[in-house]
C-alpha atoms as a PDB file:
ATOM      1  CA  VAL A   1    -119.429 -12.362-178.385  1.00  0.00           C
ATOM      2  CA  TYR A   2    -120.972 -11.064-181.608  1.00  0.00           C
ATOM      3  CA  ASN A   3    -122.889  -8.295-179.824  1.00  0.00           C
ATOM      4  CA  ARG A   4    -119.844  -7.156-177.850  1.00  0.00           C
ATOM      5  CA  MET A   5    -117.692  -7.205-180.984  1.00  0.00           C
ATOM      6  CA  THR A   6    -120.281  -5.178-182.903  1.00  0.00           C
ATOM      7  CA  GLU A   7    -120.577  -2.586-180.165  1.00  0.00           C
ATOM      8  CA  LEU A   8    -116.817  -2.297-179.690  1.00  0.00           C
ATOM      9  CA  CYS A   9    -116.117  -1.836-183.383  1.00  0.00           C
ATOM     10  CA  PHE A  10    -119.051   0.539-183.854  1.00  0.00           C
ATOM     11  CA  ARG A  11    -117.903   2.780-181.003  1.00  0.00           C
ATOM     12  CA  HIS A  12    -114.333   2.695-182.276  1.00  0.00           C
ATOM     13  CA  CYS A  13    -115.044   3.323-185.946  1.00  0.00           C
ATOM     14  CA  VAL A  14    -118.278   5.265-186.386  1.00  0.00           C
ATOM     15  CA  SER A  15    -117.955   8.905-185.445  1.00  0.00           C
ATOM     16  CA  ASN A  16    -120.787  10.616-187.312  1.00  0.00           C
ATOM     17  CA  LEU A  17    -124.402   9.462-187.146  1.00  0.00           C
ATOM     18  CA  ASN A  18    -125.734  12.302-189.337  1.00  0.00           C
ATOM     19  CA  TYR A  19    -125.689  10.178-192.497  1.00  0.00           C
ATOM     20  CA  ARG A  20    -127.593   7.052-193.393  1.00  0.00           C
ATOM     21  CA  LEU A  21    -124.599   5.298-194.960  1.00  0.00           C
ATOM     22  CA  LEU A  22    -121.132   4.714-193.576  1.00  0.00           C
ATOM     23  CA  THR A  23    -118.203   6.588-195.027  1.00  0.00           C
ATOM     24  CA  GLY A  24    -115.470   4.653-196.781  1.00  0.00           C
ATOM     25  CA  ARG A  25    -113.132   5.231-193.828  1.00  0.00           C
ATOM     26  CA  GLU A  26    -115.752   3.926-191.388  1.00  0.00           C
ATOM     27  CA  GLU A  27    -116.389   0.818-193.505  1.00  0.00           C
ATOM     28  CA  THR A  28    -112.668   0.089-193.742  1.00  0.00           C
ATOM     29  CA  CYS A  29    -112.247   0.570-190.013  1.00  0.00           C
ATOM     30  CA  LEU A  30    -115.209  -1.714-189.221  1.00  0.00           C
ATOM     31  CA  GLU A  31    -113.943  -4.452-191.541  1.00  0.00           C
ATOM     32  CA  SER A  32    -110.484  -4.277-190.014  1.00  0.00           C
ATOM     33  CA  CYS A  33    -111.792  -4.212-186.442  1.00  0.00           C
ATOM     34  CA  ALA A  34    -114.218  -7.097-186.964  1.00  0.00           C
ATOM     35  CA  GLY A  35    -111.573  -9.093-188.831  1.00  0.00           C
ATOM     36  CA  LYS A  36    -109.100  -8.723-185.975  1.00  0.00           C
ATOM     37  CA  LEU A  37    -111.666  -9.749-183.370  1.00  0.00           C
ATOM     38  CA  VAL A  38    -112.874 -12.746-185.386  1.00  0.00           C
ATOM     39  CA  HIS A  39    -109.279 -13.856-185.941  1.00  0.00           C
ATOM     40  CA  ALA A  40    -108.545 -13.507-182.211  1.00  0.00           C
ATOM     41  CA  ASN A  41    -111.708 -15.465-181.374  1.00  0.00           C
ATOM     42  CA  HIS A  42    -110.690 -18.275-183.755  1.00  0.00           C
ATOM     43  CA  ARG A  43    -107.240 -18.482-182.159  1.00  0.00           C
ATOM     44  CA  LEU A  44    -108.816 -18.598-178.715  1.00  0.00           C
ATOM     45  CA  MET A  45    -111.216 -21.358-179.763  1.00  0.00           C
ATOM     46  CA  ARG A  46    -108.359 -23.415-181.282  1.00  0.00           C
ATOM     47  CA  ALA A  47    -106.455 -23.166-177.991  1.00  0.00           C
ATOM     48  CA  TYR A  48    -109.588 -24.114-176.040  1.00  0.00           C
ATOM     49  CA  VAL A  49    -110.258 -27.140-178.250  1.00  0.00           C
ATOM     50  CA  ALA A  50    -106.627 -28.233-177.907  1.00  0.00           C
ATOM     51  CA  LEU A  51    -106.690 -27.962-174.098  1.00  0.00           C
ATOM     52  CA  MET A  52    -110.160 -29.375-173.489  1.00  0.00           C
ATOM     53  CA  PRO A  53    -109.290 -33.119-173.641  1.00  0.00           C
ATOM     54  CA  SER A  54    -106.567 -32.748-170.999  1.00  0.00           C
ATOM     55  CA  LEU A  55    -108.904 -30.724-168.761  1.00  0.00           C
ATOM     56  CA  VAL A  56    -111.645 -33.338-169.061  1.00  0.00           C
ATOM     57  CA  GLN A  57    -109.134 -36.102-168.316  1.00  0.00           C
ATOM     58  CA  ARG A  58    -107.843 -34.252-165.253  1.00  0.00           C
ATOM     59  CA  ARG A  59    -111.372 -33.692-163.933  1.00  0.00           C
ATOM     60  CA  ALA A  60    -112.233 -37.352-164.474  1.00  0.00           C
ATOM     61  CA  SER A  61    -109.124 -38.543-162.632  1.00  0.00           C
ATOM     62  CA  ASP A  62    -109.779 -36.080-159.783  1.00  0.00           C
ATOM     63  CA  TYR A  63    -113.342 -37.357-159.527  1.00  0.00           C
ATOM     64  CA  GLU A  64    -112.193 -40.984-159.539  1.00  0.00           C
ATOM     65  CA  ALA A  65    -109.575 -40.260-156.853  1.00  0.00           C
ATOM     66  CA  GLY A  66    -112.196 -38.532-154.711  1.00  0.00           C
ATOM     67  CA  ALA A  67    -114.631 -41.423-155.163  1.00  0.00           C
ATOM     68  CA  ALA A  68    -111.916 -43.943-154.235  1.00  0.00           C
ATOM     69  CA  GLN A  69    -111.008 -41.918-151.147  1.00  0.00           C
ATOM     70  CA  ALA A  70    -114.668 -41.720-150.098  1.00  0.00           C
ATOM     71  CA  SER A  71    -115.017 -45.466-150.642  1.00  0.00           C
ATOM     72  CA  GLN A  72    -111.969 -46.179-148.463  1.00  0.00           C
ATOM     73  CA  ASN A  73    -113.252 -43.884-145.726  1.00  0.00           C
ATOM     74  CA  SER A  74    -116.661 -45.547-145.869  1.00  0.00           C
ATOM     75  CA  ALA A  75    -115.082 -49.027-145.677  1.00  0.00           C
ATOM     76  CA  ARG A  76    -113.041 -48.017-142.600  1.00  0.00           C
ATOM     77  CA  GLU A  77    -116.030 -46.519-140.795  1.00  0.00           C
ATOM     78  CA  GLY A  78    -118.468 -49.279-141.799  1.00  0.00           C
ATOM     79  CA  PRO A  79    -117.267 -52.118-139.481  1.00  0.00           C
ATOM     80  CA  ALA A  80    -116.817 -49.767-136.498  1.00  0.00           C
ATOM     81  CA  ALA A  81    -120.344 -48.430-136.892  1.00  0.00           C
ATOM     82  CA  ALA A  82    -121.748 -51.989-137.063  1.00  0.00           C
ATOM     83  CA  THR A  83    -120.155 -53.048-133.727  1.00  0.00           C
ATOM     84  CA  THR A  84    -121.294 -49.952-131.821  1.00  0.00           C
ATOM     85  CA  PRO A  85    -124.539 -50.651-129.906  1.00  0.00           C
ATOM     86  CA  ALA A  86    -127.473 -48.411-130.720  1.00  0.00           C
END
């Protein structure tokens, strides 16, 4: 994320590579660009953290339902397989 943000802001803000130092306009642009992207990343992470417990709970219940279904199928097939001669 950091590398993509750096590249995006650099391409957007830096227009002249003839000088060693950034111009004031370039510095301001980079600070604004990076600030916006960091803020957006923080908002995204807050939403992810808020949703994660419900996603984990849903996956756990789906797994438990699948395991129960497999157990029922195994129990139904078990006695029939035992009575079939080999």
